[in-house]
Amino acid sequence: MTPRLIPILLLLLSSLSAQSGETPIAGYSTEPLRAPLFDEAQIAVETTALNNWLNANLHKLTYDQMRGPREHLYYLIDSRVRQHYEKEKRVLPEKHDLILEILLSWAEPLGVFGGSHAFNAVKAPATPPQAPGIKLPDSISLTLAKDMFTIQSSFGWSVSFPYYFMVWNVGDITAKGGPRTQLVVLSTGAAKDKSEAGKSQATLMFMFSPEKHDEIEKYWSEQLGIGAEVKRQELGVRNLSSRHVVDAPTNLHKEFTSWSDSTGSYAVAYLGIEGTYEWNRQHFIDFVRAIVTTSASRPNNAFQPTNSPRVAQLGAAKRGR
């Protein structure tokens, strides 16, 4: 073989290797998967401390008191996922990662929908699986395939997103004075921001209603404090535009878009403190693009709406090793 052919061969082998590998978080940009908030040493120390604290205190916490530990848990998970992506170009580790197993063992006990699915995807083969403990509305299901969650409705819509996003509310509700709404609220990856804490996750709110489009748009934009007079900007997906406002005292950015089709009316809100908002905005656009609708049969009206998640008492068992 002549030296001239070596670079060509290396390029070909590299191309074949890339083609044979799996695309991480398909449909979502990997650009935010950089600059972890914590380094490996910090993650090891923080994971040990959090695991010990939760073993001693989880049973004492109300659902509202779980918010702080839950957010810190997902800062650590997010950093660990980014480290795996930097090293392996994948977000689910190829080999067992004890730290990620310990962290995800606490996700569902702290009120995260799908936490048990994520834990079971990363646990060691000898570790017993964790059974789901949070009840979903009868009209909505959640599944995990490789590194992507999918939430699906009996009304015919579904949406997929990375497994390390934190789903902290799923409901089928009829809000007081508002339309029947299927609601999913989740947090994206974390980033440094202009808040007092210096870091946060951005929030995605997805709303579906079988009611008229103008009803869901008016109701939810008013709830979010985004007036109809706010100038629209092109979103670059689905021929949609969005309205964007900033709350100056808190540096909170709020962006809102909505549309309708034969299945019903849809709305997505994206909320983030300045810094986090910019860092994760592409994932807001990716999320809107990932919403899929079909002409599935409408369910009957004999549904039982749920207004808030119910968290199973999973905290008694010790977690971690």
Protein backbone atom coordinates (compact mmCIF):
# COMPACT_ATOMS: atom_id res chain seq x y z
CA MET A 1 0.00 0.00 0.00
CA THR A 2 1.37 3.39 -0.91
CA PRO A 3 1.43 6.18 1.69
CA ARG A 4 -0.94 8.19 -0.49
CA LEU A 5 -3.71 5.64 0.12
CA ILE A 6 -3.42 5.62 3.92
CA PRO A 7 -5.36 8.86 4.54
CA ILE A 8 -8.08 7.69 2.15
CA LEU A 9 -8.35 4.34 3.94
CA LEU A 10 -8.50 6.02 7.35
CA LEU A 11 -11.22 8.35 6.11
CA LEU A 12 -13.21 5.38 4.75
CA LEU A 13 -12.86 3.43 8.02
CA SER A 14 -13.92 6.49 10.00
CA SER A 15 -16.96 6.91 7.79
CA LEU A 16 -17.96 3.26 8.12
CA SER A 17 -17.54 3.45 11.90
CA ALA A 18 -19.77 6.53 12.08
CA GLN A 19 -22.41 4.86 9.90
CA SER A 20 -22.45 1.72 12.07
CA GLY A 21 -22.81 3.71 15.33
CA GLU A 22 -26.08 4.91 16.79
CA THR A 23 -27.09 8.54 16.54
CA PRO A 24 -27.48 9.91 20.07
CA ILE A 25 -30.78 11.61 21.01
CA ALA A 26 -32.03 11.34 17.42
CA GLY A 27 -33.76 14.50 16.25
CA TYR A 28 -32.20 16.61 19.00
CA SER A 29 -29.09 18.76 18.72
CA THR A 30 -26.02 17.57 20.62
CA GLU A 31 -24.71 21.15 20.84
CA PRO A 32 -25.92 21.63 24.47
CA LEU A 33 -23.99 18.48 25.48
CA ARG A 34 -20.83 20.39 26.38
CA ALA A 35 -19.29 22.08 29.43
CA PRO A 36 -20.71 19.97 32.31
CA LEU A 37 -21.58 21.96 35.41
CA PHE A 38 -19.61 19.50 37.57
CA ASP A 39 -16.33 17.69 36.89
CA GLU A 40 -15.90 13.96 37.60
CA ALA A 41 -14.47 14.46 41.09
CA GLN A 42 -17.29 16.81 42.06
CA ILE A 43 -19.90 14.38 40.74
CA ALA A 44 -18.44 11.52 42.78
CA VAL A 45 -18.45 13.60 45.99
CA GLU A 46 -21.90 15.12 45.37
CA THR A 47 -23.45 11.76 44.42
CA THR A 48 -22.21 10.15 47.62
CA ALA A 49 -23.47 13.03 49.74
CA LEU A 50 -26.87 13.17 48.04
CA ASN A 51 -27.32 9.40 48.20
CA ASN A 52 -26.58 9.36 51.94
CA TRP A 53 -28.82 12.35 52.61
CA LEU A 54 -31.77 10.90 50.67
CA ASN A 55 -31.45 7.54 52.42
CA ALA A 56 -31.77 9.38 55.73
CA ASN A 57 -34.36 11.99 54.79
CA LEU A 58 -36.54 11.04 51.81
CA HIS A 59 -39.30 9.61 53.99
CA LYS A 60 -39.61 12.98 55.76
CA LEU A 61 -40.09 15.07 52.61
CA THR A 62 -43.40 16.32 51.26
CA TYR A 63 -43.80 16.49 47.49
CA ASP A 64 -43.11 20.24 47.54
CA GLN A 65 -39.95 19.70 49.61
CA MET A 66 -38.64 17.28 46.99
CA ARG A 67 -38.11 20.07 44.46
CA GLY A 68 -34.66 21.16 45.63
CA PRO A 69 -33.14 17.64 45.88
CA ARG A 70 -34.82 16.70 42.60
CA GLU A 71 -33.26 19.63 40.74
CA HIS A 72 -29.82 18.96 42.25
CA LEU A 73 -30.13 15.31 41.27
CA TYR A 74 -30.76 16.31 37.67
CA TYR A 75 -27.85 18.76 37.63
CA LEU A 76 -25.64 15.79 38.49
CA ILE A 77 -27.33 13.48 35.95
CA ASP A 78 -27.00 16.12 33.25
CA SER A 79 -23.27 16.59 33.94
CA ARG A 80 -22.69 12.83 33.95
CA VAL A 81 -24.50 12.45 30.63
CA ARG A 82 -22.36 15.22 29.10
CA GLN A 83 -19.20 13.50 30.29
CA HIS A 84 -20.25 10.29 28.57
CA TYR A 85 -21.03 12.21 25.40
CA GLU A 86 -17.63 13.93 25.44
CA LYS A 87 -15.84 10.58 25.80
CA GLU A 88 -18.07 8.20 23.83
CA LYS A 89 -20.35 10.34 21.64
CA ARG A 90 -23.31 8.67 23.31
CA VAL A 91 -25.49 9.62 26.27
CA LEU A 92 -26.29 6.12 27.50
CA PRO A 93 -22.99 4.60 28.69
CA GLU A 94 -21.81 1.54 26.81
CA LYS A 95 -20.47 0.02 30.04
CA HIS A 96 -22.14 0.04 33.43
CA ASP A 97 -21.77 3.36 35.29
CA LEU A 98 -22.36 2.98 39.02
CA ILE A 99 -22.68 6.73 39.57
CA LEU A 100 -25.42 7.07 36.94
CA GLU A 101 -27.18 4.02 38.41
CA ILE A 102 -27.17 5.57 41.90
CA LEU A 103 -28.39 8.92 40.64
CA LEU A 104 -31.23 7.51 38.54
CA SER A 105 -32.30 5.20 41.37
CA TRP A 106 -33.61 8.34 43.10
CA ALA A 107 -35.41 9.89 40.12
CA GLU A 108 -38.81 8.27 40.52
CA PRO A 109 -38.83 8.39 44.34
CA LEU A 110 -38.37 12.17 43.97
CA GLY A 111 -41.40 12.45 41.70
CA VAL A 112 -39.93 12.11 38.19
CA PHE A 113 -42.18 10.35 35.67
CA GLY A 114 -40.25 7.61 33.86
CA GLY A 115 -37.48 7.60 36.46
CA SER A 116 -37.76 3.84 36.86
CA HIS A 117 -37.49 3.36 33.08
CA ALA A 118 -34.25 5.36 33.00
CA PHE A 119 -32.86 3.53 36.04
CA ASN A 120 -33.59 0.14 34.49
CA ALA A 121 -31.79 1.22 31.31
CA VAL A 122 -28.50 1.94 33.14
CA LYS A 123 -28.50 -0.47 36.09
CA ALA A 124 -26.11 -3.40 36.38
CA PRO A 125 -27.57 -6.75 35.24
CA ALA A 126 -27.49 -8.06 38.82
CA THR A 127 -29.37 -5.04 40.22
CA PRO A 128 -33.12 -5.67 40.68
CA PRO A 129 -35.30 -3.57 38.36
CA GLN A 130 -37.33 -0.69 39.74
CA ALA A 131 -41.09 -0.86 39.18
CA PRO A 132 -42.89 2.32 38.07
CA GLY A 133 -44.48 4.00 41.07
CA ILE A 134 -46.13 7.12 39.67
CA LYS A 135 -49.54 6.73 38.05
CA LEU A 136 -50.08 8.28 34.64
CA PRO A 137 -53.51 9.39 33.40
CA ASP A 138 -55.29 6.52 31.65
CA SER A 139 -55.18 8.47 28.38
CA ILE A 140 -51.39 8.86 28.34
CA SER A 141 -48.51 6.37 28.20
CA LEU A 142 -44.74 6.70 28.56
CA THR A 143 -42.08 4.39 27.10
CA LEU A 144 -38.30 4.40 26.79
CA ALA A 145 -36.42 3.07 23.74
CA LYS A 146 -32.63 3.35 23.94
CA ASP A 147 -31.92 6.98 24.91
CA MET A 148 -35.33 8.48 24.04
CA PHE A 149 -38.57 8.73 25.99
CA THR A 150 -41.88 8.83 24.11
CA ILE A 151 -45.10 10.09 25.63
CA GLN A 152 -48.21 9.10 23.69
CA SER A 153 -51.88 10.05 24.01
CA SER A 154 -55.02 8.16 23.09
CA PHE A 155 -56.02 11.32 21.21
CA GLY A 156 -53.36 10.54 18.59
CA TRP A 157 -50.36 12.71 19.48
CA SER A 158 -46.92 11.68 20.70
CA VAL A 159 -43.63 13.40 21.45
CA SER A 160 -40.12 12.05 22.03
CA PHE A 161 -37.25 13.60 23.98
CA PRO A 162 -33.91 12.59 25.60
CA TYR A 163 -34.03 10.26 28.58
CA TYR A 164 -32.10 12.66 30.83
CA PHE A 165 -34.83 15.33 30.61
CA MET A 166 -36.82 15.50 33.85
CA VAL A 167 -40.57 14.93 33.45
CA TRP A 168 -42.17 16.29 36.60
CA ASN A 169 -45.83 16.61 35.64
CA VAL A 170 -48.18 14.70 33.34
CA GLY A 171 -51.90 15.34 33.54
CA ASP A 172 -55.25 15.19 31.80
CA ILE A 173 -57.10 18.08 33.39
CA THR A 174 -59.95 20.48 32.97
CA ALA A 175 -58.63 23.69 34.43
CA LYS A 176 -61.07 25.98 36.21
CA GLY A 177 -62.42 28.34 33.60
CA GLY A 178 -60.30 26.73 30.90
CA PRO A 179 -60.39 23.96 28.30
CA ARG A 180 -59.74 20.27 28.86
CA THR A 181 -55.97 19.92 28.49
CA GLN A 182 -53.47 17.09 28.38
CA LEU A 183 -50.35 18.57 29.96
CA VAL A 184 -46.69 17.49 30.04
CA VAL A 185 -44.10 19.56 31.92
CA LEU A 186 -40.42 18.69 31.75
CA SER A 187 -37.02 20.22 32.33
CA THR A 188 -34.21 20.23 29.78
CA GLY A 189 -30.48 20.12 30.43
CA ALA A 190 -28.90 22.57 32.86
CA ALA A 191 -26.72 25.61 32.25
CA LYS A 192 -25.17 28.56 34.02
CA ASP A 193 -27.51 31.52 34.23
CA LYS A 194 -28.17 34.92 35.80
CA SER A 195 -30.15 33.59 38.76
CA GLU A 196 -28.98 33.84 42.35
CA ALA A 197 -28.04 30.14 42.27
CA GLY A 198 -26.05 30.67 39.06
CA LYS A 199 -27.51 27.64 37.30
CA SER A 200 -30.86 26.13 36.35
CA GLN A 201 -32.75 23.93 33.91
CA ALA A 202 -35.07 25.34 31.28
CA THR A 203 -38.72 24.23 31.31
CA LEU A 204 -40.85 22.90 28.46
CA MET A 205 -44.65 22.89 28.81
CA PHE A 206 -46.67 20.93 26.26
CA MET A 207 -50.45 21.38 26.11
CA PHE A 208 -53.00 19.56 23.95
CA SER A 209 -56.74 20.18 23.90
CA PRO A 210 -59.58 18.81 21.78
CA GLU A 211 -61.12 22.28 22.08
CA LYS A 212 -60.82 25.10 19.56
CA HIS A 213 -57.38 26.55 18.91
CA ASP A 214 -58.22 30.09 20.00
CA GLU A 215 -59.41 28.80 23.38
CA ILE A 216 -56.20 26.98 24.29
CA GLU A 217 -53.99 29.75 22.90
CA LYS A 218 -55.83 32.47 24.82
CA TYR A 219 -56.07 30.54 28.08
CA TRP A 220 -52.45 29.35 28.31
CA SER A 221 -50.80 32.51 26.98
CA GLU A 222 -52.74 34.46 29.63
CA GLN A 223 -51.67 32.00 32.33
CA LEU A 224 -48.06 32.54 31.28
CA GLY A 225 -48.38 36.32 31.10
CA ILE A 226 -47.64 36.56 27.37
CA GLY A 227 -49.98 39.13 25.87
CA ALA A 228 -51.55 38.91 22.41
CA GLU A 229 -49.89 42.23 21.53
CA VAL A 230 -46.37 40.75 21.78
CA LYS A 231 -44.66 40.73 18.38
CA ARG A 232 -44.32 37.31 16.77
CA GLN A 233 -41.08 35.84 15.42
CA GLU A 234 -40.60 32.98 12.98
CA LEU A 235 -39.77 29.75 14.78
CA GLY A 236 -38.28 27.91 11.79
CA VAL A 237 -40.37 24.75 12.24
CA ARG A 238 -43.91 23.80 11.15
CA ASN A 239 -44.33 27.30 9.65
CA LEU A 240 -44.91 28.46 13.21
CA SER A 241 -44.21 31.75 14.91
CA SER A 242 -43.73 32.39 18.61
CA ARG A 243 -44.18 35.21 21.10
CA HIS A 244 -41.26 35.95 23.41
CA VAL A 245 -41.15 38.14 26.53
CA VAL A 246 -38.59 38.71 29.28
CA ASP A 247 -39.41 39.44 32.90
CA ALA A 248 -36.70 41.98 33.70
CA PRO A 249 -36.62 41.61 37.52
CA THR A 250 -36.04 37.84 37.35
CA ASN A 251 -34.33 37.54 33.93
CA LEU A 252 -36.94 34.90 33.06
CA HIS A 253 -37.53 34.40 29.33
CA LYS A 254 -40.93 33.05 28.23
CA GLU A 255 -41.65 31.87 24.68
CA PHE A 256 -44.97 30.50 23.44
CA THR A 257 -46.25 28.93 20.21
CA SER A 258 -49.50 27.17 19.28
CA TRP A 259 -51.26 25.55 16.33
CA SER A 260 -54.09 23.17 15.46
CA ASP A 261 -54.86 20.30 13.10
CA SER A 262 -57.56 17.67 12.68
CA THR A 263 -56.69 16.03 16.02
CA GLY A 264 -57.01 19.15 18.15
CA SER A 265 -55.11 22.20 19.39
CA TYR A 266 -51.50 22.30 20.55
CA ALA A 267 -49.33 24.74 22.47
CA VAL A 268 -45.72 24.67 23.69
CA ALA A 269 -44.18 27.11 26.16
CA TYR A 270 -40.46 27.42 26.81
CA LEU A 271 -39.27 29.08 30.02
CA GLY A 272 -35.71 29.76 31.13
CA ILE A 273 -33.55 32.18 33.06
CA GLU A 274 -31.19 34.21 30.88
CA GLY A 275 -28.25 31.95 30.13
CA THR A 276 -30.20 28.70 30.44
CA TYR A 277 -32.78 30.01 27.98
CA GLU A 278 -30.20 30.58 25.24
CA TRP A 279 -28.23 27.39 25.98
CA ASN A 280 -31.23 25.06 25.61
CA ARG A 281 -33.39 26.96 23.10
CA GLN A 282 -32.49 24.62 20.23
CA HIS A 283 -34.00 21.78 22.25
CA PHE A 284 -37.25 23.77 22.47
CA ILE A 285 -37.30 23.88 18.66
CA ASP A 286 -36.34 20.19 18.47
CA PHE A 287 -39.18 19.36 20.88
CA VAL A 288 -41.76 21.19 18.75
CA ARG A 289 -40.48 19.34 15.69
CA ALA A 290 -40.71 16.00 17.53
CA ILE A 291 -44.46 16.28 18.16
CA VAL A 292 -46.24 13.77 15.94
CA THR A 293 -49.99 13.62 15.33
CA THR A 294 -52.18 10.97 13.72
CA SER A 295 -55.84 10.67 12.89
CA ALA A 296 -56.41 8.17 15.68
CA SER A 297 -59.95 7.58 16.94
CA ARG A 298 -61.05 9.97 19.65
CA PRO A 299 -61.50 8.34 23.07
CA ASN A 300 -64.89 8.50 24.70
CA ASN A 301 -65.67 11.15 27.30
CA ALA A 302 -65.68 8.77 30.24
CA PHE A 303 -62.22 9.82 31.44
CA GLN A 304 -60.95 10.53 34.95
CA PRO A 305 -58.91 13.75 34.86
CA THR A 306 -55.86 13.98 37.10
CA ASN A 307 -54.72 17.36 38.36
CA SER A 308 -51.40 16.45 39.93
CA PRO A 309 -48.95 13.53 39.96
CA ARG A 310 -49.24 11.00 42.74
CA VAL A 311 -45.90 9.84 44.04
CA ALA A 312 -45.61 6.31 45.35
CA GLN A 313 -43.88 5.75 48.67
CA LEU A 314 -40.68 4.26 47.30
CA GLY A 315 -38.32 5.98 49.70
CA ALA A 316 -38.15 3.30 52.37
CA ALA A 317 -35.68 1.09 50.49
CA LYS A 318 -32.00 2.00 50.55
CA ARG A 319 -30.45 3.05 47.25
CA GLY A 320 -26.89 3.22 46.06
CA ARG A 321 -24.11 0.99 47.22
